[in-house]
N, C-alpha and C. Protein backbone atom coordinates (compact mmCIF):
# COMPACT_ATOMS: atom_id res chain seq x y z
N MET A 1 -23.39 -16.45 7.05
CA MET A 1 -22.08 -16.09 7.90
C MET A 1 -20.71 -16.17 7.44
N ALA A 2 -19.78 -15.21 7.90
CA ALA A 2 -18.89 -14.75 7.19
C ALA A 2 -17.59 -15.48 7.49
N ASP A 3 -17.11 -16.18 6.51
CA ASP A 3 -16.12 -16.83 6.05
C ASP A 3 -14.95 -16.42 7.22
N LYS A 4 -14.32 -17.12 8.12
CA LYS A 4 -12.63 -16.70 9.00
C LYS A 4 -11.91 -16.76 8.09
N ILE A 5 -11.19 -14.97 8.11
CA ILE A 5 -9.97 -14.49 7.48
C ILE A 5 -8.59 -15.24 7.69
N ASP A 6 -8.03 -15.45 6.92
CA ASP A 6 -6.87 -16.43 6.94
C ASP A 6 -5.75 -16.02 6.12
N THR A 7 -6.05 -14.44 5.57
CA THR A 7 -5.00 -14.29 4.68
C THR A 7 -5.20 -12.47 4.60
N ILE A 8 -3.64 -11.81 4.87
CA ILE A 8 -4.49 -10.45 4.79
C ILE A 8 -3.11 -9.87 3.83
N LEU A 9 -3.97 -8.70 3.18
CA LEU A 9 -3.06 -8.39 2.17
C LEU A 9 -2.53 -6.88 2.32
N PHE A 10 -1.70 -6.84 2.53
CA PHE A 10 -1.42 -5.81 2.77
C PHE A 10 -0.91 -4.17 1.37
N ASP A 11 -1.42 -3.30 1.46
CA ASP A 11 0.13 -2.17 0.74
C ASP A 11 0.64 -1.87 1.77
N PHE A 12 2.10 -1.13 1.36
CA PHE A 12 3.18 -1.00 2.13
C PHE A 12 3.10 0.34 2.06
N ASP A 13 3.54 1.34 1.33
CA ASP A 13 3.79 2.91 1.78
C ASP A 13 2.02 3.57 2.19
N GLY A 14 2.26 4.12 3.10
CA GLY A 14 1.20 4.60 3.89
C GLY A 14 0.32 3.89 4.71
N THR A 15 0.60 2.63 4.43
CA THR A 15 -0.10 1.55 5.25
C THR A 15 0.37 1.18 6.31
N LEU A 16 1.54 0.83 5.80
CA LEU A 16 2.54 0.02 7.16
C LEU A 16 3.54 1.14 7.38
N LEU A 17 4.27 1.42 6.64
CA LEU A 17 5.35 2.48 6.57
C LEU A 17 4.96 3.53 6.47
N ASP A 18 5.28 5.06 6.83
CA ASP A 18 4.57 6.12 6.73
C ASP A 18 5.61 6.79 5.34
N THR A 19 5.60 7.29 4.74
CA THR A 19 6.45 7.42 3.74
C THR A 19 5.51 9.16 2.59
N ASN A 20 4.78 9.10 3.57
CA ASN A 20 3.87 10.22 3.28
C ASN A 20 4.53 11.23 2.99
N GLU A 21 5.23 12.17 3.52
CA GLU A 21 6.34 13.00 3.62
C GLU A 21 6.98 12.68 2.40
N LEU A 22 7.87 12.19 2.74
CA LEU A 22 9.46 11.40 1.62
C LEU A 22 8.63 11.90 0.15
N ILE A 23 7.23 10.76 0.40
CA ILE A 23 6.55 10.70 -1.18
C ILE A 23 6.22 12.57 -1.51
N LEU A 24 5.72 13.05 -0.64
CA LEU A 24 5.36 14.75 -1.23
C LEU A 24 6.33 15.30 -1.67
N GLN A 25 7.86 15.50 -0.69
CA GLN A 25 8.87 16.09 -1.06
C GLN A 25 9.41 15.56 -1.62
N THR A 26 9.33 14.65 -2.32
CA THR A 26 10.18 14.42 -3.94
C THR A 26 9.10 14.61 -5.13
N PHE A 27 8.24 14.54 -5.09
CA PHE A 27 7.08 15.00 -6.14
C PHE A 27 7.65 16.60 -6.17
N MET A 28 7.71 17.18 -4.97
CA MET A 28 7.48 18.43 -4.99
C MET A 28 9.09 19.44 -5.62
N ALA A 29 10.01 17.88 -4.92
CA ALA A 29 11.37 18.85 -5.40
C ALA A 29 11.65 18.43 -7.01
N VAL A 30 11.22 17.48 -8.03
CA VAL A 30 11.21 17.13 -9.17
C VAL A 30 10.63 17.76 -9.97
N LEU A 31 9.16 17.80 -9.97
CA LEU A 31 8.16 18.92 -10.53
C LEU A 31 8.82 20.44 -10.05
N GLY A 32 9.27 20.67 -8.97
CA GLY A 32 9.66 22.56 -8.92
C GLY A 32 10.87 22.75 -9.49
N LYS A 33 11.41 21.73 -9.68
CA LYS A 33 12.83 21.81 -10.40
C LYS A 33 12.31 22.27 -12.52
N HIS A 34 11.74 21.25 -12.69
CA HIS A 34 11.14 21.61 -14.19
C HIS A 34 9.96 22.27 -14.82
N TYR A 35 9.02 22.23 -13.71
CA TYR A 35 7.98 23.32 -13.44
C TYR A 35 7.47 24.14 -12.52
N PRO A 36 8.63 25.57 -12.31
CA PRO A 36 8.48 26.03 -11.17
C PRO A 36 7.07 26.55 -11.12
N GLY A 37 6.47 26.55 -9.93
CA GLY A 37 4.99 27.41 -9.33
C GLY A 37 3.74 26.43 -10.12
N ARG A 38 4.05 25.08 -10.74
CA ARG A 38 2.85 25.06 -11.08
C ARG A 38 2.37 23.69 -10.08
N PHE A 39 3.01 22.96 -9.63
CA PHE A 39 2.54 22.04 -8.37
C PHE A 39 2.34 22.49 -6.68
N ASP A 40 1.31 22.40 -6.25
CA ASP A 40 1.88 22.77 -4.52
C ASP A 40 1.61 21.02 -3.95
N ARG A 41 1.80 21.70 -2.70
CA ARG A 41 1.44 20.02 -1.85
C ARG A 41 0.17 19.24 -2.41
N GLU A 42 -1.00 20.16 -2.33
CA GLU A 42 -2.19 19.72 -2.18
C GLU A 42 -2.27 18.47 -3.80
N ASP A 43 -1.65 19.62 -5.13
CA ASP A 43 -1.41 18.90 -6.45
C ASP A 43 -0.62 17.34 -5.88
N CYS A 44 0.21 17.45 -5.47
CA CYS A 44 1.11 16.30 -5.68
C CYS A 44 0.21 15.06 -4.22
N LEU A 45 0.10 15.66 -3.76
CA LEU A 45 -1.37 14.73 -2.88
C LEU A 45 -2.21 13.78 -3.87
N ALA A 46 -2.31 13.96 -4.65
CA ALA A 46 -3.35 13.27 -5.53
C ALA A 46 -2.78 12.41 -6.24
N PHE A 47 -1.19 12.99 -6.23
CA PHE A 47 -0.45 11.69 -7.20
C PHE A 47 -0.08 10.32 -6.74
N MET A 48 -0.39 10.26 -5.11
CA MET A 48 -0.37 9.27 -4.18
C MET A 48 -0.89 7.99 -4.35
N GLY A 49 -0.51 7.05 -5.03
CA GLY A 49 -1.78 5.66 -5.25
C GLY A 49 -1.25 4.98 -6.40
N PRO A 50 -1.51 5.84 -7.60
CA PRO A 50 -0.53 5.80 -8.76
C PRO A 50 0.30 5.59 -9.15
N THR A 51 0.98 4.68 -10.00
CA THR A 51 2.36 4.52 -10.72
C THR A 51 2.76 5.69 -10.97
N LEU A 52 4.13 5.62 -10.87
CA LEU A 52 4.86 6.90 -11.18
C LEU A 52 4.54 7.17 -12.45
N ARG A 53 4.78 5.86 -13.38
CA ARG A 53 4.58 6.52 -15.10
C ARG A 53 3.32 6.52 -15.67
N GLU A 54 1.99 6.07 -14.45
CA GLU A 54 0.97 6.88 -14.80
C GLU A 54 1.04 8.59 -14.38
N THR A 55 1.42 8.34 -13.69
CA THR A 55 1.40 10.45 -12.91
C THR A 55 2.11 11.20 -13.67
N PHE A 56 3.52 10.46 -14.11
CA PHE A 56 4.68 11.45 -15.09
C PHE A 56 4.30 11.64 -16.52
N GLU A 57 3.10 10.72 -17.13
CA GLU A 57 3.17 10.30 -18.54
C GLU A 57 1.71 11.75 -18.39
N ALA A 58 0.89 11.48 -17.44
CA ALA A 58 -0.02 12.16 -17.43
C ALA A 58 0.21 14.18 -17.70
N ILE A 59 1.16 13.77 -17.01
CA ILE A 59 1.62 15.35 -16.46
C ILE A 59 2.61 15.93 -17.95
N ASP A 60 3.17 14.77 -18.27
CA ASP A 60 4.29 15.42 -19.39
C ASP A 60 4.97 13.86 -20.00
N PRO A 61 4.23 13.47 -21.25
CA PRO A 61 4.56 12.46 -22.21
C PRO A 61 5.89 12.35 -22.46
N GLU A 62 6.45 13.74 -22.58
CA GLU A 62 7.85 13.47 -23.36
C GLU A 62 8.87 13.27 -22.44
N MET A 63 8.68 13.76 -21.00
CA MET A 63 9.39 14.58 -19.82
C MET A 63 9.09 12.92 -18.80
N ALA A 64 8.80 11.88 -19.20
CA ALA A 64 8.05 10.82 -17.75
C ALA A 64 9.55 9.83 -17.90
N GLU A 65 10.02 9.77 -18.77
CA GLU A 65 11.29 8.54 -18.27
C GLU A 65 12.08 9.55 -17.75
N THR A 66 12.55 10.67 -17.34
CA THR A 66 13.35 11.83 -17.05
C THR A 66 12.77 12.24 -15.55
N LEU A 67 11.62 12.21 -15.40
CA LEU A 67 10.66 12.44 -14.06
C LEU A 67 10.75 11.13 -13.40
N ILE A 68 10.55 10.11 -13.90
CA ILE A 68 10.47 9.05 -12.96
C ILE A 68 12.13 8.58 -12.74
N LEU A 69 13.00 8.79 -13.53
CA LEU A 69 14.59 8.50 -12.98
C LEU A 69 14.97 9.78 -12.02
N GLU A 70 14.90 10.91 -12.41
CA GLU A 70 14.95 12.26 -10.61
C GLU A 70 13.99 11.51 -10.01
N TYR A 71 12.57 11.10 -9.95
CA TYR A 71 11.99 10.73 -8.78
C TYR A 71 12.89 9.43 -7.68
N ARG A 72 12.99 8.83 -8.64
CA ARG A 72 13.28 7.32 -7.76
C ARG A 72 14.89 7.62 -7.14
N GLU A 73 16.07 8.50 -8.02
CA GLU A 73 17.38 8.80 -7.24
C GLU A 73 16.91 9.76 -6.33
N TRP A 74 15.95 10.96 -6.08
CA TRP A 74 15.83 11.73 -5.07
C TRP A 74 14.91 10.84 -3.49
N ASN A 75 14.08 10.47 -4.30
CA ASN A 75 13.50 8.95 -3.08
C ASN A 75 14.44 8.35 -2.27
N ALA A 76 14.89 7.80 -3.14
CA ALA A 76 16.27 6.92 -2.40
C ALA A 76 17.10 7.48 -1.84
N ALA A 77 17.95 8.61 -1.83
CA ALA A 77 18.70 9.41 -1.17
C ALA A 77 18.04 10.23 -0.18
N MET A 78 16.92 10.18 0.18
CA MET A 78 16.29 10.43 1.22
C MET A 78 15.37 9.77 2.15
N HIS A 79 15.13 8.35 1.62
CA HIS A 79 14.39 7.40 2.02
C HIS A 79 14.70 7.24 3.61
N ASP A 80 16.14 6.38 3.69
CA ASP A 80 16.16 6.25 5.32
C ASP A 80 15.59 7.04 6.27
N GLU A 81 15.96 8.63 6.04
CA GLU A 81 16.23 9.45 6.75
C GLU A 81 14.58 10.19 7.08
N MET A 82 13.72 9.68 6.26
CA MET A 82 12.37 10.54 6.30
C MET A 82 11.28 9.51 6.86
N VAL A 83 11.66 8.01 6.43
CA VAL A 83 10.66 7.05 6.75
C VAL A 83 10.25 6.73 8.38
N THR A 84 9.29 6.50 8.80
CA THR A 84 9.18 5.49 10.13
C THR A 84 7.60 4.91 9.87
N GLU A 85 8.01 3.59 10.73
CA GLU A 85 6.50 2.70 10.65
C GLU A 85 5.45 3.67 11.36
N PHE A 86 4.26 3.40 11.09
CA PHE A 86 3.19 3.40 11.74
C PHE A 86 2.70 2.85 13.39
N PRO A 87 2.27 3.82 13.89
CA PRO A 87 2.28 3.07 15.25
C PRO A 87 1.98 1.58 15.24
N ASP A 88 2.57 0.55 16.07
CA ASP A 88 1.78 -0.48 16.12
C ASP A 88 1.68 -1.66 15.53
N VAL A 89 2.44 -1.39 14.12
CA VAL A 89 2.84 -2.27 12.91
C VAL A 89 3.26 -3.29 13.31
N THR A 90 4.56 -3.39 13.22
CA THR A 90 5.18 -4.71 13.42
C THR A 90 4.98 -5.22 14.85
N GLU A 91 4.08 -4.79 16.15
CA GLU A 91 3.71 -5.56 17.01
C GLU A 91 2.60 -6.52 16.30
N THR A 92 1.47 -5.88 15.74
CA THR A 92 0.72 -6.43 14.79
C THR A 92 1.10 -7.54 14.13
N LEU A 93 1.73 -7.20 13.33
CA LEU A 93 2.23 -8.01 11.83
C LEU A 93 2.32 -9.37 12.99
N ARG A 94 3.37 -9.08 13.53
CA ARG A 94 4.00 -10.67 14.31
C ARG A 94 2.51 -11.26 15.13
N LEU A 95 1.82 -11.05 15.96
CA LEU A 95 0.89 -11.51 16.39
C LEU A 95 -0.38 -11.79 15.14
N LEU A 96 -0.59 -11.49 14.17
CA LEU A 96 -1.48 -12.05 13.20
C LEU A 96 -0.23 -12.82 12.83
N LYS A 97 0.50 -12.73 12.38
CA LYS A 97 1.31 -14.56 12.18
C LYS A 97 1.89 -15.25 13.05
N GLY A 98 1.54 -14.76 14.55
CA GLY A 98 1.50 -16.00 15.54
C GLY A 98 -0.19 -16.57 15.55
N LYS A 99 -1.17 -15.93 14.85
CA LYS A 99 -2.34 -16.52 14.98
C LYS A 99 -2.59 -17.79 13.81
N GLY A 100 -1.53 -17.51 12.76
CA GLY A 100 -1.30 -18.36 11.88
C GLY A 100 -2.09 -17.88 10.63
N ILE A 101 -1.78 -16.38 10.53
CA ILE A 101 -2.93 -15.88 9.01
C ILE A 101 -1.57 -14.92 8.57
N LYS A 102 -1.57 -16.25 6.71
CA LYS A 102 -1.08 -15.76 5.87
C LYS A 102 -0.93 -13.81 5.76
N LEU A 103 0.51 -13.47 5.79
CA LEU A 103 0.41 -12.45 5.34
C LEU A 103 1.37 -11.78 4.16
N ALA A 104 0.99 -10.55 3.23
CA ALA A 104 1.42 -10.49 2.35
C ALA A 104 1.48 -9.04 1.77
N VAL A 105 2.53 -8.80 1.37
CA VAL A 105 2.64 -7.12 0.82
C VAL A 105 2.51 -6.84 -0.96
N VAL A 106 1.33 -6.02 -1.11
CA VAL A 106 0.96 -6.18 -2.38
C VAL A 106 1.04 -4.62 -2.91
N SER A 107 1.86 -4.26 -3.57
CA SER A 107 2.74 -2.88 -3.58
C SER A 107 2.70 -2.32 -5.34
N THR A 108 2.32 -1.01 -5.38
CA THR A 108 2.80 -0.38 -6.86
C THR A 108 4.26 -0.04 -6.52
N LYS A 109 5.25 -0.10 -5.30
CA LYS A 109 6.26 -0.27 -5.55
C LYS A 109 6.96 -1.33 -6.08
N ARG A 110 8.36 -0.50 -6.38
CA ARG A 110 9.36 -1.68 -6.95
C ARG A 110 9.86 -2.89 -5.84
N ARG A 111 10.20 -3.86 -6.36
CA ARG A 111 10.28 -4.77 -5.21
C ARG A 111 11.82 -4.46 -4.23
N ASP A 112 12.66 -3.66 -5.24
CA ASP A 112 13.80 -3.20 -4.54
C ASP A 112 13.35 -2.36 -3.49
N VAL A 113 12.13 -1.41 -3.50
CA VAL A 113 12.15 -0.10 -2.42
C VAL A 113 11.37 -1.05 -1.35
N LEU A 114 10.82 -1.89 -2.11
CA LEU A 114 9.91 -2.11 -0.39
C LEU A 114 10.90 -3.29 0.11
N ALA A 115 11.87 -3.80 -0.13
CA ALA A 115 13.01 -4.67 0.49
C ALA A 115 13.57 -3.63 1.72
N ARG A 116 13.63 -2.64 0.89
CA ARG A 116 14.53 -1.37 1.77
C ARG A 116 13.94 -1.09 2.86
N GLY A 117 12.49 -1.14 2.88
CA GLY A 117 11.53 -0.65 3.78
C GLY A 117 11.08 -1.54 4.89
N MET A 118 11.33 -2.66 4.74
CA MET A 118 11.24 -3.86 5.15
C MET A 118 11.81 -4.18 6.10
N LYS A 119 12.97 -3.57 5.66
CA LYS A 119 14.46 -3.91 6.25
C LYS A 119 14.50 -3.23 7.38
N LEU A 120 14.08 -1.52 7.13
CA LEU A 120 14.24 -0.82 8.14
C LEU A 120 13.17 -1.16 9.73
N MET A 121 12.51 -2.02 9.33
CA MET A 121 10.95 -2.28 10.11
C MET A 121 11.44 -3.46 10.64
N ASP A 122 12.63 -4.18 10.25
CA ASP A 122 13.15 -5.73 10.39
C ASP A 122 11.77 -6.65 10.52
N VAL A 123 10.94 -6.52 9.18
CA VAL A 123 9.61 -7.63 8.91
C VAL A 123 9.85 -8.49 7.62
N GLU A 124 11.44 -8.75 7.31
CA GLU A 124 11.53 -9.42 6.12
C GLU A 124 10.70 -10.95 6.41
N ASP A 125 11.05 -11.09 7.78
CA ASP A 125 10.59 -12.65 8.05
C ASP A 125 9.25 -12.77 8.27
N VAL A 126 8.75 -12.15 8.20
CA VAL A 126 6.84 -11.65 8.64
C VAL A 126 6.36 -12.04 7.10
N PHE A 127 6.40 -11.73 6.38
CA PHE A 127 5.24 -11.99 4.83
C PHE A 127 6.34 -13.09 4.01
N ASP A 128 5.07 -14.02 3.78
CA ASP A 128 4.69 -14.83 3.05
C ASP A 128 4.77 -14.82 1.55
N CYS A 129 4.42 -13.67 1.27
CA CYS A 129 4.83 -13.05 -0.10
C CYS A 129 4.63 -12.01 -0.30
N VAL A 130 5.65 -11.23 -1.26
CA VAL A 130 5.78 -10.12 -1.91
C VAL A 130 5.64 -9.80 -3.00
N ILE A 131 4.28 -8.82 -3.49
CA ILE A 131 4.11 -8.45 -5.20
C ILE A 131 4.56 -7.48 -5.00
N GLY A 132 5.50 -6.73 -6.17
CA GLY A 132 5.52 -5.64 -6.61
C GLY A 132 5.37 -5.29 -7.87
N LEU A 133 5.61 -3.60 -8.33
CA LEU A 133 5.23 -3.56 -9.45
C LEU A 133 5.88 -4.29 -10.93
N ASP A 134 7.37 -4.64 -10.70
CA ASP A 134 7.87 -5.12 -11.35
C ASP A 134 7.10 -6.89 -11.67
N ASP A 135 6.37 -7.42 -10.73
CA ASP A 135 6.19 -8.72 -10.53
C ASP A 135 4.62 -9.10 -11.35
N VAL A 136 3.93 -7.72 -11.66
CA VAL A 136 2.73 -7.75 -12.61
C VAL A 136 3.01 -6.60 -14.24
N SER A 137 2.15 -7.06 -14.62
CA SER A 137 2.11 -6.82 -16.05
C SER A 137 0.82 -5.08 -16.10
N ARG A 138 -0.33 -5.25 -15.10
CA ARG A 138 -1.40 -4.49 -14.45
C ARG A 138 -1.13 -3.95 -12.85
N ALA A 139 -1.04 -2.60 -12.34
CA ALA A 139 -1.43 -2.69 -11.21
C ALA A 139 -2.44 -2.56 -10.54
N LYS A 140 -2.75 -2.18 -9.60
CA LYS A 140 -3.90 -2.15 -8.60
C LYS A 140 -4.23 -0.72 -9.14
N PRO A 141 -5.83 -0.65 -9.13
CA PRO A 141 -6.68 -1.62 -9.15
C PRO A 141 -7.40 -2.85 -9.58
N ASP A 142 -6.37 -3.11 -10.41
CA ASP A 142 -6.64 -4.28 -11.33
C ASP A 142 -6.30 -5.39 -10.05
N PRO A 143 -7.20 -6.24 -10.40
CA PRO A 143 -7.21 -7.71 -9.84
C PRO A 143 -5.83 -8.19 -9.86
N GLU A 144 -5.25 -8.36 -10.52
CA GLU A 144 -3.64 -9.14 -10.98
C GLU A 144 -2.72 -9.26 -9.99
N PRO A 145 -2.50 -8.05 -9.38
CA PRO A 145 -1.54 -7.91 -8.14
C PRO A 145 -2.07 -8.86 -6.58
N LEU A 146 -3.41 -8.83 -6.60
CA LEU A 146 -4.02 -9.49 -5.47
C LEU A 146 -4.21 -10.88 -5.99
N GLN A 147 -4.20 -11.06 -7.15
CA GLN A 147 -5.17 -12.46 -7.56
C GLN A 147 -3.55 -13.36 -7.52
N LYS A 148 -2.00 -12.72 -7.98
CA LYS A 148 -1.03 -13.62 -8.03
C LYS A 148 -0.60 -13.92 -6.44
N ALA A 149 -1.03 -12.91 -5.36
CA ALA A 149 -0.53 -13.15 -4.21
C ALA A 149 -1.76 -13.89 -3.77
N MET A 150 -2.43 -14.40 -4.16
CA MET A 150 -3.66 -15.39 -3.79
C MET A 150 -3.00 -17.20 -4.31
N ASP A 151 -2.88 -16.42 -5.28
CA ASP A 151 -2.33 -17.76 -5.82
C ASP A 151 -1.03 -18.59 -5.26
N MET A 152 -0.27 -17.74 -5.20
CA MET A 152 1.15 -18.08 -4.81
C MET A 152 1.46 -18.42 -2.71
N LEU A 153 -0.18 -18.08 -1.99
CA LEU A 153 -0.61 -18.68 -0.92
C LEU A 153 -1.52 -19.21 -0.91
N GLY A 154 -1.84 -20.02 -1.92
CA GLY A 154 -2.70 -20.72 -2.00
C GLY A 154 -4.69 -20.40 -1.30
N SER A 155 -4.79 -19.11 -1.26
CA SER A 155 -5.62 -18.64 -0.48
C SER A 155 -7.05 -18.20 -1.32
N ASP A 156 -8.14 -18.44 -0.72
CA ASP A 156 -9.25 -17.98 -1.16
C ASP A 156 -9.94 -16.57 -0.94
N PRO A 157 -10.41 -15.19 -1.97
CA PRO A 157 -10.45 -14.13 -1.88
C PRO A 157 -11.41 -14.05 -0.99
N ALA A 158 -12.69 -14.95 -0.62
CA ALA A 158 -13.57 -14.98 0.30
C ALA A 158 -12.93 -14.71 1.99
N ARG A 159 -12.20 -15.36 1.75
CA ARG A 159 -11.02 -15.59 3.35
C ARG A 159 -10.07 -14.74 3.53
N THR A 160 -9.76 -13.58 2.65
CA THR A 160 -8.88 -12.67 2.04
C THR A 160 -9.42 -11.32 2.25
N LEU A 161 -8.25 -10.49 2.80
CA LEU A 161 -8.52 -9.26 3.50
C LEU A 161 -7.47 -8.31 3.25
N MET A 162 -7.80 -7.13 2.13
CA MET A 162 -7.26 -6.51 1.21
C MET A 162 -7.12 -5.17 2.59
N VAL A 163 -5.77 -4.95 2.85
CA VAL A 163 -5.64 -3.15 3.39
C VAL A 163 -4.51 -2.35 2.81
N GLY A 164 -5.30 -1.38 2.66
CA GLY A 164 -4.45 0.12 2.19
C GLY A 164 -5.17 1.39 2.13
N ASP A 165 -4.43 1.97 2.24
CA ASP A 165 -4.46 3.39 2.37
C ASP A 165 -5.39 4.41 1.46
N ASN A 166 -5.32 4.18 -0.26
CA ASN A 166 -5.85 4.61 -1.22
C ASN A 166 -7.06 4.03 -1.97
N TYR A 167 -7.40 4.28 -2.65
CA TYR A 167 -8.48 3.69 -3.62
C TYR A 167 -8.46 2.91 -4.22
N HIS A 168 -7.24 2.61 -4.76
CA HIS A 168 -6.37 1.68 -5.24
C HIS A 168 -6.67 0.48 -4.95
N ASP A 169 -6.42 0.37 -3.49
CA ASP A 169 -6.21 -1.22 -2.62
C ASP A 169 -7.65 -1.40 -2.33
N ILE A 170 -8.70 -0.52 -2.16
CA ILE A 170 -9.87 -0.58 -2.12
C ILE A 170 -10.27 -1.33 -3.24
N GLU A 171 -10.61 -0.50 -4.47
CA GLU A 171 -10.72 -1.14 -5.72
C GLU A 171 -10.24 -2.21 -6.00
N GLY A 172 -9.05 -2.61 -5.77
CA GLY A 172 -8.23 -3.41 -5.73
C GLY A 172 -9.12 -4.74 -5.59
N GLY A 173 -9.34 -4.55 -4.29
CA GLY A 173 -9.52 -5.71 -3.81
C GLY A 173 -11.33 -5.77 -4.13
N LYS A 174 -11.89 -5.16 -4.21
CA LYS A 174 -13.65 -5.80 -5.10
C LYS A 174 -13.26 -6.26 -5.84
N ASN A 175 -12.36 -5.81 -6.98
CA ASN A 175 -12.10 -6.26 -8.17
C ASN A 175 -11.87 -7.63 -7.69
N ALA A 176 -10.67 -8.18 -6.87
CA ALA A 176 -10.34 -9.43 -7.17
C ALA A 176 -11.25 -10.28 -5.86
N GLY A 177 -12.63 -9.86 -5.09
CA GLY A 177 -13.30 -10.30 -4.56
C GLY A 177 -12.75 -10.66 -3.04
N THR A 178 -12.28 -9.62 -2.54
CA THR A 178 -11.44 -10.10 -1.27
C THR A 178 -12.59 -8.95 -0.51
N LEU A 179 -12.47 -9.57 1.07
CA LEU A 179 -12.38 -8.55 1.87
C LEU A 179 -11.78 -7.02 1.75
N THR A 180 -12.15 -5.81 2.39
CA THR A 180 -11.11 -4.66 2.00
C THR A 180 -11.55 -4.08 3.61
N ALA A 181 -9.83 -3.32 4.03
CA ALA A 181 -10.29 -2.00 4.94
C ALA A 181 -9.43 -1.38 4.15
N GLY A 182 -9.62 -0.02 4.82
CA GLY A 182 -9.18 1.00 4.69
C GLY A 182 -8.33 1.60 6.31
N VAL A 183 -7.45 2.41 6.15
CA VAL A 183 -6.91 2.88 7.47
C VAL A 183 -6.62 4.40 7.06
N ALA A 184 -7.58 5.00 8.72
CA ALA A 184 -7.81 6.11 8.78
C ALA A 184 -6.78 6.80 8.79
N TRP A 185 -5.79 6.01 8.88
CA TRP A 185 -4.42 7.40 8.91
C TRP A 185 -3.87 7.74 7.44
N SER A 186 -4.74 7.17 6.19
CA SER A 186 -4.59 7.87 5.10
C SER A 186 -4.21 9.43 4.66
N ALA A 187 -3.31 9.38 3.94
CA ALA A 187 -2.84 11.06 3.76
C ALA A 187 -4.02 11.54 3.13
N LYS A 188 -4.56 10.90 2.57
CA LYS A 188 -5.28 11.89 1.74
C LYS A 188 -7.09 11.54 3.15
N GLY A 189 -6.82 11.06 4.17
CA GLY A 189 -8.66 11.19 5.15
C GLY A 189 -8.94 10.43 5.07
N GLU A 190 -9.71 10.08 6.26
CA GLU A 190 -10.56 8.73 6.37
C GLU A 190 -11.81 9.14 5.44
N ALA A 191 -12.20 10.12 5.39
CA ALA A 191 -13.29 10.48 4.86
C ALA A 191 -13.15 10.12 3.12
N PHE A 192 -12.39 10.42 2.73
CA PHE A 192 -12.12 10.54 1.27
C PHE A 192 -11.89 8.63 0.90
N LEU A 193 -11.44 8.40 1.60
CA LEU A 193 -11.26 6.63 1.44
C LEU A 193 -12.49 5.94 1.97
N ALA A 194 -13.50 6.70 2.69
CA ALA A 194 -14.84 5.98 3.12
C ALA A 194 -15.61 6.40 2.14
N LYS A 195 -15.36 7.12 1.06
CA LYS A 195 -16.26 7.05 -0.35
C LYS A 195 -15.93 5.37 -1.08
N TYR A 196 -15.02 5.27 -0.93
CA TYR A 196 -15.06 3.64 -1.73
C TYR A 196 -15.19 2.57 -0.76
N GLU A 197 -15.89 2.89 0.15
CA GLU A 197 -16.90 1.75 1.10
C GLU A 197 -16.08 0.43 1.29
N PRO A 198 -14.77 0.49 1.80
CA PRO A 198 -14.39 -0.71 2.64
C PRO A 198 -15.08 -0.80 3.28
N ASP A 199 -15.11 -2.78 3.48
CA ASP A 199 -16.31 -3.56 4.41
C ASP A 199 -15.25 -2.70 5.81
N PHE A 200 -14.19 -2.29 6.46
CA PHE A 200 -13.35 -2.15 7.54
C PHE A 200 -12.67 -0.97 7.31
N MET A 201 -12.66 0.33 8.68
CA MET A 201 -12.09 1.24 8.82
C MET A 201 -11.23 1.41 9.89
N LEU A 202 -9.71 1.14 9.65
CA LEU A 202 -8.86 0.68 10.76
C LEU A 202 -8.58 2.21 11.33
N GLN A 203 -9.01 2.51 12.71
CA GLN A 203 -8.40 3.67 13.27
C GLN A 203 -6.98 3.59 13.95
N GLY A 204 -6.88 2.06 13.86
CA GLY A 204 -5.43 1.68 14.41
C GLY A 204 -4.24 0.54 13.96
N MET A 205 -3.69 -0.22 14.07
CA MET A 205 -3.54 -1.32 13.29
C MET A 205 -3.76 -2.60 14.14
N LYS A 206 -3.79 -2.68 15.33
CA LYS A 206 -4.22 -3.51 16.16
C LYS A 206 -5.67 -3.91 15.98
N ASP A 207 -6.55 -2.90 15.56
CA ASP A 207 -7.89 -3.17 14.88
C ASP A 207 -8.18 -4.90 14.24
N LEU A 208 -7.09 -5.00 13.30
CA LEU A 208 -7.20 -6.10 12.67
C LEU A 208 -7.09 -7.10 13.62
N LEU A 209 -6.65 -7.19 14.86
CA LEU A 209 -6.36 -8.35 15.77
C LEU A 209 -7.69 -8.68 15.90
N GLU A 210 -9.07 -7.48 16.35
CA GLU A 210 -10.19 -7.56 16.75
C GLU A 210 -11.17 -8.61 15.47
N ILE A 211 -11.09 -7.49 14.19
CA ILE A 211 -11.33 -7.94 13.09
C ILE A 211 -11.25 -9.40 12.87
N VAL A 212 -10.13 -10.19 12.72
CA VAL A 212 -9.92 -11.46 12.81
C VAL A 212 -10.27 -12.13 13.83
N ASP A 213 -10.31 -12.15 14.87
CA ASP A 213 -11.16 -12.78 16.13
C ASP A 213 -12.64 -12.82 15.80
N ARG A 214 -13.21 -11.58 15.38
CA ARG A 214 -14.69 -11.63 15.33
C ARG A 214 -15.14 -12.39 14.34
N GLN A 215 -14.12 -12.02 13.20
CA GLN A 215 -14.50 -13.14 11.53
C GLN A 215 -14.85 -14.58 12.35
N ALA A 216 -13.64 -14.64 13.30
CA ALA A 216 -13.43 -16.51 13.44
C ALA A 216 -14.37 -16.48 14.22
N GLU A 217 -15.11 -15.83 15.16
CA GLU A 217 -16.22 -16.45 16.24
C GLU A 217 -17.54 -16.24 14.88
N ASN A 218 -17.88 -15.57 14.31
CA ASN A 218 -18.85 -15.74 13.69
C ASN A 218 -19.44 -16.47 12.46
N ARG A 219 -18.67 -17.32 12.37
CA ARG A 219 -18.33 -18.44 11.36
C ARG A 219 -19.39 -19.77 11.65
């Protein structure tokens, strides 16, 4: 018999807030400046998910610090005009909150960037906990960020669902012992995410309401 879901952990970029074009354009601008013609849009798509340090150190260890700084400057300058929430996100989050579900963000972004996105969406009051890259020593898919959030919320992994748009989210959930849900609107595509075998695949954010209700009925 399935446990009732009482906690949902969300990735942020690409899951709740559509930052996909912003991220791609930032990578292309920074990498195009230093390595003209070397990276195209498809290459940059693969950089979405890992931390900036992991990505840039793999490209050019000696330039990593400079690339990170330039990425953050370009991204911050263009952030507000290039991002928007995915359909039904705010409404669904508030409905889940109304059902008594504990909600948290678990992201590989820094807390200041997350705060900026949440303010744009007007959802600062929705989340009981926010875990950013600067709160942990190991990022997803390591279980540390998810475990930290669950510890803060007093949540059991068996009753927790991790929702995300990348394999780091699915693998991170499995490593932490939670249920997992991929989002079909992932920039890398539903088929890519399905390869990591999440427990659920959301076609829209409102699917979470049905999943939560169904898990409660099946107890």
